[in-house]
Amino acid sequence: MKKFILYSLIGIPVFFVLLVILSGSTDVLPFILVIAGIVLVWLGLKGSAPKKVFAQKPIPVMSKEKETHYLEAGMTQSEIEFFRDTMSQTKDQIQKLQNNINKNAKLKAIDLRHDTLRASKALFKELVKDPQKLHCANHFLYTHLPNMVDLTDKFIEINDHEIKSRETYEKIEESSQIIDQMASLIAQDYQQFVADDFEDMDIELSIAKQSLKRDNVNSTTVEKI
């Protein structure tokens, strides 16, 4: 079909050129208009050609309980869709990171040192619990976690080389150091995200201590009869 269109676009102008020459006419305006029309048609067909679409993992159907949870959090339908799309991608990235870590002993050691996966999963859980705080996890969602996945992908690819040169070992060591730093940042992302909870706990503990102190003072004071 594409060849037919191409041959038609070439053949029609040639036909009109021959027609003008044979007729001996000097009026080339109709010919120009026809050529212009053909060019516009070609551009239209080219622009409307279907683009390659990469398959995306479908987002699971939202349960009524989750929808109620998001609505009670004050989210609009568009905000819910954006949140669920973001979290779906994040979940896939965490799963990919887990698969990568399980493939290599050095990556496992880094994960144990920083609790990278536990921190990632815990932060994911906290976000689902409090979706309005999505913006507080920007570094984790859009920089640290995606970079961690890319780095571990490349690390495994290089580490799997059958024949390793000195440069290969240097790259492996350099990559492992950067991965270690990135794992530390992910752990910090979680600590910073839940920092408000610690502050709230400190306030509650302080109030509780003051209340206990006051109650103890009152209990030692016996009214005279």
C-alpha atoms as a PDB file:
ATOM      1  CA  MET A   1       0.000   0.000   0.000  1.00  0.00           C
ATOM      2  CA  LYS A   2       2.842   2.386   0.892  1.00  0.00           C
ATOM      3  CA  LYS A   3       4.602   1.596  -2.405  1.00  0.00           C
ATOM      4  CA  PHE A   4       1.389   2.267  -4.333  1.00  0.00           C
ATOM      5  CA  ILE A   5       1.016   5.684  -2.690  1.00  0.00           C
ATOM      6  CA  LEU A   6       4.674   6.508  -3.336  1.00  0.00           C
ATOM      7  CA  TYR A   7       4.494   5.510  -7.001  1.00  0.00           C
ATOM      8  CA  SER A   8       1.269   7.519  -7.389  1.00  0.00           C
ATOM      9  CA  LEU A   9       2.855  10.632  -5.917  1.00  0.00           C
ATOM     10  CA  ILE A  10       5.765  10.317  -8.324  1.00  0.00           C
ATOM     11  CA  GLY A  11       3.785   9.244 -11.359  1.00  0.00           C
ATOM     12  CA  ILE A  12       1.035  11.899 -11.229  1.00  0.00           C
ATOM     13  CA  PRO A  13       3.411  14.909 -11.446  1.00  0.00           C
ATOM     14  CA  VAL A  14       5.359  13.217 -14.264  1.00  0.00           C
ATOM     15  CA  PHE A  15       2.096  12.659 -16.145  1.00  0.00           C
ATOM     16  CA  PHE A  16       1.145  16.317 -15.829  1.00  0.00           C
ATOM     17  CA  VAL A  17       4.597  17.472 -16.970  1.00  0.00           C
ATOM     18  CA  LEU A  18       4.275  15.345 -20.105  1.00  0.00           C
ATOM     19  CA  LEU A  19       0.746  16.648 -20.646  1.00  0.00           C
ATOM     20  CA  VAL A  20       1.906  20.277 -20.467  1.00  0.00           C
ATOM     21  CA  ILE A  21       4.806  19.608 -22.846  1.00  0.00           C
ATOM     22  CA  LEU A  22       2.652  17.797 -25.406  1.00  0.00           C
ATOM     23  CA  SER A  23      -0.102  20.405 -25.321  1.00  0.00           C
ATOM     24  CA  GLY A  24       2.401  23.204 -25.829  1.00  0.00           C
ATOM     25  CA  SER A  25       0.601  25.262 -23.184  1.00  0.00           C
ATOM     26  CA  THR A  26       2.579  27.923 -21.295  1.00  0.00           C
ATOM     27  CA  ASP A  27       0.087  28.100 -18.473  1.00  0.00           C
ATOM     28  CA  VAL A  28       1.772  26.203 -15.632  1.00  0.00           C
ATOM     29  CA  LEU A  29      -0.519  27.465 -12.857  1.00  0.00           C
ATOM     30  CA  PRO A  30      -2.788  24.351 -12.897  1.00  0.00           C
ATOM     31  CA  PHE A  31       0.306  22.178 -12.803  1.00  0.00           C
ATOM     32  CA  ILE A  32       1.678  24.068  -9.764  1.00  0.00           C
ATOM     33  CA  LEU A  33      -1.660  23.789  -7.981  1.00  0.00           C
ATOM     34  CA  VAL A  34      -1.794  20.036  -8.599  1.00  0.00           C
ATOM     35  CA  ILE A  35       1.769  19.574  -7.293  1.00  0.00           C
ATOM     36  CA  ALA A  36       0.971  21.642  -4.207  1.00  0.00           C
ATOM     37  CA  GLY A  37      -2.144  19.563  -3.564  1.00  0.00           C
ATOM     38  CA  ILE A  38      -0.190  16.318  -3.890  1.00  0.00           C
ATOM     39  CA  VAL A  39       2.467  17.573  -1.445  1.00  0.00           C
ATOM     40  CA  LEU A  40      -0.199  18.513   1.095  1.00  0.00           C
ATOM     41  CA  VAL A  41      -1.821  15.092   0.767  1.00  0.00           C
ATOM     42  CA  TRP A  42       1.546  13.399   1.259  1.00  0.00           C
ATOM     43  CA  LEU A  43       2.306  15.465   4.362  1.00  0.00           C
ATOM     44  CA  GLY A  44      -1.130  14.646   5.732  1.00  0.00           C
ATOM     45  CA  LEU A  45      -0.615  10.923   5.206  1.00  0.00           C
ATOM     46  CA  LYS A  46       2.837  11.071   6.745  1.00  0.00           C
ATOM     47  CA  GLY A  47       1.643  13.005   9.766  1.00  0.00           C
ATOM     48  CA  SER A  48      -1.268  10.666  10.389  1.00  0.00           C
ATOM     49  CA  ALA A  49       0.878   7.531  10.309  1.00  0.00           C
ATOM     50  CA  PRO A  50       0.520   5.589  13.535  1.00  0.00           C
ATOM     51  CA  LYS A  51       3.425   6.071  15.930  1.00  0.00           C
ATOM     52  CA  LYS A  52       5.047   3.232  17.775  1.00  0.00           C
ATOM     53  CA  VAL A  53       3.462   2.848  21.187  1.00  0.00           C
ATOM     54  CA  PHE A  54       5.349   1.078  23.939  1.00  0.00           C
ATOM     55  CA  ALA A  55       3.280  -1.378  25.924  1.00  0.00           C
ATOM     56  CA  GLN A  56       2.601  -0.224  29.464  1.00  0.00           C
ATOM     57  CA  LYS A  57       1.774  -2.522  32.282  1.00  0.00           C
ATOM     58  CA  PRO A  58      -1.933  -1.974  33.036  1.00  0.00           C
ATOM     59  CA  ILE A  59      -2.798  -0.406  36.378  1.00  0.00           C
ATOM     60  CA  PRO A  60      -4.913  -2.719  38.568  1.00  0.00           C
ATOM     61  CA  VAL A  61      -8.578  -1.848  38.969  1.00  0.00           C
ATOM     62  CA  MET A  62      -9.077   0.427  41.961  1.00  0.00           C
ATOM     63  CA  SER A  63     -11.091  -1.070  44.795  1.00  0.00           C
ATOM     64  CA  LYS A  64     -13.981   0.810  46.386  1.00  0.00           C
ATOM     65  CA  GLU A  65     -12.078   0.972  49.664  1.00  0.00           C
ATOM     66  CA  LYS A  66      -9.091   2.652  48.014  1.00  0.00           C
ATOM     67  CA  GLU A  67     -11.295   5.068  46.092  1.00  0.00           C
ATOM     68  CA  THR A  68     -13.028   6.049  49.338  1.00  0.00           C
ATOM     69  CA  HIS A  69      -9.640   6.447  51.014  1.00  0.00           C
ATOM     70  CA  TYR A  70      -8.378   8.784  48.287  1.00  0.00           C
ATOM     71  CA  LEU A  71     -11.582  10.808  48.192  1.00  0.00           C
ATOM     72  CA  GLU A  72     -11.555  11.202  51.967  1.00  0.00           C
ATOM     73  CA  ALA A  73      -8.005  12.494  51.629  1.00  0.00           C
ATOM     74  CA  GLY A  74      -9.450  15.343  49.549  1.00  0.00           C
ATOM     75  CA  MET A  75      -8.154  14.190  46.169  1.00  0.00           C
ATOM     76  CA  THR A  76      -9.877  14.893  42.855  1.00  0.00           C
ATOM     77  CA  GLN A  77     -10.337  12.215  40.190  1.00  0.00           C
ATOM     78  CA  SER A  78      -7.436  13.612  38.128  1.00  0.00           C
ATOM     79  CA  GLU A  79      -5.198  13.635  41.216  1.00  0.00           C
ATOM     80  CA  ILE A  80      -6.166  10.039  41.970  1.00  0.00           C
ATOM     81  CA  GLU A  81      -5.314   8.970  38.410  1.00  0.00           C
ATOM     82  CA  PHE A  82      -1.950  10.743  38.543  1.00  0.00           C
ATOM     83  CA  PHE A  83      -1.166   9.266  41.949  1.00  0.00           C
ATOM     84  CA  ARG A  84      -2.068   5.713  40.927  1.00  0.00           C
ATOM     85  CA  ASP A  85      -0.077   6.002  37.692  1.00  0.00           C
ATOM     86  CA  THR A  86       2.968   7.262  39.608  1.00  0.00           C
ATOM     87  CA  MET A  87       2.689   4.570  42.257  1.00  0.00           C
ATOM     88  CA  SER A  88       2.228   1.849  39.643  1.00  0.00           C
ATOM     89  CA  GLN A  89       5.505   2.872  38.001  1.00  0.00           C
ATOM     90  CA  THR A  90       7.182   3.061  41.402  1.00  0.00           C
ATOM     91  CA  LYS A  91       5.980  -0.421  42.309  1.00  0.00           C
ATOM     92  CA  ASP A  92       7.430  -1.809  39.063  1.00  0.00           C
ATOM     93  CA  GLN A  93      10.741  -0.081  39.771  1.00  0.00           C
ATOM     94  CA  ILE A  94      10.914  -1.496  43.305  1.00  0.00           C
ATOM     95  CA  GLN A  95      10.214  -4.974  41.941  1.00  0.00           C
ATOM     96  CA  LYS A  96      12.910  -4.520  39.297  1.00  0.00           C
ATOM     97  CA  LEU A  97      15.373  -3.328  41.946  1.00  0.00           C
ATOM     98  CA  GLN A  98      14.586  -6.352  44.103  1.00  0.00           C
ATOM     99  CA  ASN A  99      15.199  -8.688  41.157  1.00  0.00           C
ATOM    100  CA  ASN A 100      18.535  -7.002  40.437  1.00  0.00           C
ATOM    101  CA  ILE A 101      19.665  -7.182  44.055  1.00  0.00           C
ATOM    102  CA  ASN A 102      18.821 -10.869  44.273  1.00  0.00           C
ATOM    103  CA  LYS A 103      21.082 -11.565  41.279  1.00  0.00           C
ATOM    104  CA  ASN A 104      24.315 -10.324  42.820  1.00  0.00           C
ATOM    105  CA  ALA A 105      26.056 -10.843  46.173  1.00  0.00           C
ATOM    106  CA  LYS A 106      27.627  -7.379  46.233  1.00  0.00           C
ATOM    107  CA  LEU A 107      24.258  -5.739  45.617  1.00  0.00           C
ATOM    108  CA  LYS A 108      22.780  -7.857  48.409  1.00  0.00           C
ATOM    109  CA  ALA A 109      25.492  -6.611  50.753  1.00  0.00           C
ATOM    110  CA  ILE A 110      24.707  -2.984  49.864  1.00  0.00           C
ATOM    111  CA  ASP A 111      21.014  -3.617  50.438  1.00  0.00           C
ATOM    112  CA  LEU A 112      21.698  -5.162  53.855  1.00  0.00           C
ATOM    113  CA  ARG A 113      23.898  -2.235  54.819  1.00  0.00           C
ATOM    114  CA  HIS A 114      21.308   0.416  53.999  1.00  0.00           C
ATOM    115  CA  ASP A 115      18.007  -1.519  54.067  1.00  0.00           C
ATOM    116  CA  THR A 116      17.328  -0.137  50.603  1.00  0.00           C
ATOM    117  CA  LEU A 117      14.451  -2.411  49.683  1.00  0.00           C
ATOM    118  CA  ARG A 118      12.816  -2.174  53.109  1.00  0.00           C
ATOM    119  CA  ALA A 119      13.066   1.617  52.990  1.00  0.00           C
ATOM    120  CA  SER A 120      11.627   1.705  49.448  1.00  0.00           C
ATOM    121  CA  LYS A 121       8.707  -0.552  50.326  1.00  0.00           C
ATOM    122  CA  ALA A 122       8.053   1.280  53.595  1.00  0.00           C
ATOM    123  CA  LEU A 123       8.031   4.656  51.819  1.00  0.00           C
ATOM    124  CA  PHE A 124       5.680   3.238  49.182  1.00  0.00           C
ATOM    125  CA  LYS A 125       3.353   2.082  51.965  1.00  0.00           C
ATOM    126  CA  GLU A 126       3.478   5.480  53.673  1.00  0.00           C
ATOM    127  CA  LEU A 127       2.578   7.222  50.420  1.00  0.00           C
ATOM    128  CA  VAL A 128      -0.435   4.984  49.868  1.00  0.00           C
ATOM    129  CA  LYS A 129      -1.514   5.739  53.430  1.00  0.00           C
ATOM    130  CA  ASP A 130      -1.061   9.494  52.959  1.00  0.00           C
ATOM    131  CA  PRO A 131      -1.289  10.250  49.205  1.00  0.00           C
ATOM    132  CA  GLN A 132      -1.407  14.009  49.698  1.00  0.00           C
ATOM    133  CA  LYS A 133       2.279  13.854  50.689  1.00  0.00           C
ATOM    134  CA  LEU A 134       3.350  12.621  47.265  1.00  0.00           C
ATOM    135  CA  HIS A 135       5.308  15.834  46.671  1.00  0.00           C
ATOM    136  CA  CYS A 136       7.385  15.131  49.789  1.00  0.00           C
ATOM    137  CA  ALA A 137       8.888  12.084  48.078  1.00  0.00           C
ATOM    138  CA  ASN A 138       9.917  13.763  44.802  1.00  0.00           C
ATOM    139  CA  HIS A 139      13.602  12.886  45.126  1.00  0.00           C
ATOM    140  CA  PHE A 140      12.816   9.250  45.833  1.00  0.00           C
ATOM    141  CA  LEU A 141      10.178   8.854  43.122  1.00  0.00           C
ATOM    142  CA  TYR A 142      11.771  10.714  40.242  1.00  0.00           C
ATOM    143  CA  THR A 143      15.526  10.632  40.904  1.00  0.00           C
ATOM    144  CA  HIS A 144      16.918   8.228  43.492  1.00  0.00           C
ATOM    145  CA  LEU A 145      14.821   5.115  42.808  1.00  0.00           C
ATOM    146  CA  PRO A 146      14.933   5.331  38.970  1.00  0.00           C
ATOM    147  CA  ASN A 147      18.695   5.990  39.096  1.00  0.00           C
ATOM    148  CA  MET A 148      19.166   3.052  41.455  1.00  0.00           C
ATOM    149  CA  VAL A 149      17.355   0.750  39.037  1.00  0.00           C
ATOM    150  CA  ASP A 150      19.392   1.994  36.061  1.00  0.00           C
ATOM    151  CA  LEU A 151      22.678   1.680  37.958  1.00  0.00           C
ATOM    152  CA  THR A 152      21.974  -1.869  39.112  1.00  0.00           C
ATOM    153  CA  ASP A 153      20.876  -2.821  35.596  1.00  0.00           C
ATOM    154  CA  LYS A 154      24.189  -1.595  34.187  1.00  0.00           C
ATOM    155  CA  PHE A 155      26.151  -3.127  37.066  1.00  0.00           C
ATOM    156  CA  ILE A 156      24.709  -6.584  36.395  1.00  0.00           C
ATOM    157  CA  GLU A 157      25.273  -6.219  32.659  1.00  0.00           C
ATOM    158  CA  ILE A 158      28.971  -5.388  33.137  1.00  0.00           C
ATOM    159  CA  ASN A 159      29.452  -7.947  35.900  1.00  0.00           C
ATOM    160  CA  ASP A 160      28.084 -10.692  33.635  1.00  0.00           C
ATOM    161  CA  HIS A 161      30.822 -10.199  31.032  1.00  0.00           C
ATOM    162  CA  GLU A 162      32.514 -13.539  30.396  1.00  0.00           C
ATOM    163  CA  ILE A 163      35.951 -11.953  30.017  1.00  0.00           C
ATOM    164  CA  LYS A 164      36.751  -9.072  32.349  1.00  0.00           C
ATOM    165  CA  SER A 165      39.581  -6.644  31.739  1.00  0.00           C
ATOM    166  CA  ARG A 166      41.179  -4.328  34.257  1.00  0.00           C
ATOM    167  CA  GLU A 167      38.882  -1.568  33.039  1.00  0.00           C
ATOM    168  CA  THR A 168      35.877  -3.834  33.615  1.00  0.00           C
ATOM    169  CA  TYR A 169      36.822  -4.425  37.242  1.00  0.00           C
ATOM    170  CA  GLU A 170      37.407  -0.696  37.726  1.00  0.00           C
ATOM    171  CA  LYS A 171      33.945   0.054  36.330  1.00  0.00           C
ATOM    172  CA  ILE A 172      32.392  -2.575  38.589  1.00  0.00           C
ATOM    173  CA  GLU A 173      34.075  -1.082  41.640  1.00  0.00           C
ATOM    174  CA  GLU A 174      33.136   2.480  40.660  1.00  0.00           C
ATOM    175  CA  SER A 175      29.528   1.448  40.006  1.00  0.00           C
ATOM    176  CA  SER A 176      29.248  -0.364  43.334  1.00  0.00           C
ATOM    177  CA  GLN A 177      30.449   2.754  45.172  1.00  0.00           C
ATOM    178  CA  ILE A 178      27.877   4.956  43.427  1.00  0.00           C
ATOM    179  CA  ILE A 179      25.143   2.369  44.066  1.00  0.00           C
ATOM    180  CA  ASP A 180      26.118   2.345  47.740  1.00  0.00           C
ATOM    181  CA  GLN A 181      25.758   6.138  47.891  1.00  0.00           C
ATOM    182  CA  MET A 182      22.409   6.000  46.091  1.00  0.00           C
ATOM    183  CA  ALA A 183      21.194   3.311  48.513  1.00  0.00           C
ATOM    184  CA  SER A 184      22.113   5.618  51.382  1.00  0.00           C
ATOM    185  CA  LEU A 185      20.086   8.441  49.807  1.00  0.00           C
ATOM    186  CA  ILE A 186      17.021   6.195  49.523  1.00  0.00           C
ATOM    187  CA  ALA A 187      17.318   5.341  53.219  1.00  0.00           C
ATOM    188  CA  GLN A 188      17.532   9.074  53.958  1.00  0.00           C
ATOM    189  CA  ASP A 189      14.454   9.693  51.791  1.00  0.00           C
ATOM    190  CA  TYR A 190      12.449   7.400  54.049  1.00  0.00           C
ATOM    191  CA  GLN A 191      13.817   8.924  57.266  1.00  0.00           C
ATOM    192  CA  GLN A 192      12.998  12.426  56.061  1.00  0.00           C
ATOM    193  CA  PHE A 193       9.512  11.389  54.966  1.00  0.00           C
ATOM    194  CA  VAL A 194       8.607  10.009  58.406  1.00  0.00           C
ATOM    195  CA  ALA A 195      10.433  12.790  60.299  1.00  0.00           C
ATOM    196  CA  ASP A 196       7.127  14.559  60.926  1.00  0.00           C
ATOM    197  CA  ASP A 197       5.832  11.431  62.638  1.00  0.00           C
ATOM    198  CA  PHE A 198       8.821  11.505  64.988  1.00  0.00           C
ATOM    199  CA  GLU A 199       8.186  15.175  65.738  1.00  0.00           C
ATOM    200  CA  ASP A 200       4.547  14.446  66.487  1.00  0.00           C
ATOM    201  CA  MET A 201       5.615  11.586  68.743  1.00  0.00           C
ATOM    202  CA  ASP A 202       8.063  13.862  70.590  1.00  0.00           C
ATOM    203  CA  ILE A 203       5.274  16.382  71.205  1.00  0.00           C
ATOM    204  CA  GLU A 204       2.912  13.673  72.431  1.00  0.00           C
ATOM    205  CA  LEU A 205       5.610  12.246  74.704  1.00  0.00           C
ATOM    206  CA  SER A 206       6.338  15.683  76.095  1.00  0.00           C
ATOM    207  CA  ILE A 207       2.639  16.297  76.849  1.00  0.00           C
ATOM    208  CA  ALA A 208       2.329  12.835  78.399  1.00  0.00           C
ATOM    209  CA  LYS A 209       5.377  13.438  80.632  1.00  0.00           C
ATOM    210  CA  GLN A 210       3.974  16.767  81.805  1.00  0.00           C
ATOM    211  CA  SER A 211       0.627  15.147  82.528  1.00  0.00           C
ATOM    212  CA  LEU A 212       2.268  12.334  84.496  1.00  0.00           C
ATOM    213  CA  LYS A 213       4.358  14.821  86.443  1.00  0.00           C
ATOM    214  CA  ARG A 214       1.275  16.858  87.299  1.00  0.00           C
ATOM    215  CA  ASP A 215      -0.654  13.757  88.340  1.00  0.00           C
ATOM    216  CA  ASN A 216       2.206  12.594  90.540  1.00  0.00           C
ATOM    217  CA  VAL A 217       2.340  15.965  92.312  1.00  0.00           C
ATOM    218  CA  ASN A 218      -1.398  15.921  92.910  1.00  0.00           C
ATOM    219  CA  SER A 219      -1.296  12.356  94.219  1.00  0.00           C
ATOM    220  CA  THR A 220       1.325  13.270  96.852  1.00  0.00           C
ATOM    221  CA  THR A 221      -0.701  16.205  98.080  1.00  0.00           C
ATOM    222  CA  VAL A 222      -3.276  15.099 100.636  1.00  0.00           C
ATOM    223  CA  GLU A 223      -5.906  17.591 101.594  1.00  0.00           C
ATOM    224  CA  LYS A 224      -6.121  18.204 105.328  1.00  0.00           C
ATOM    225  CA  ILE A 225      -9.357  17.306 107.046  1.00  0.00           C
END
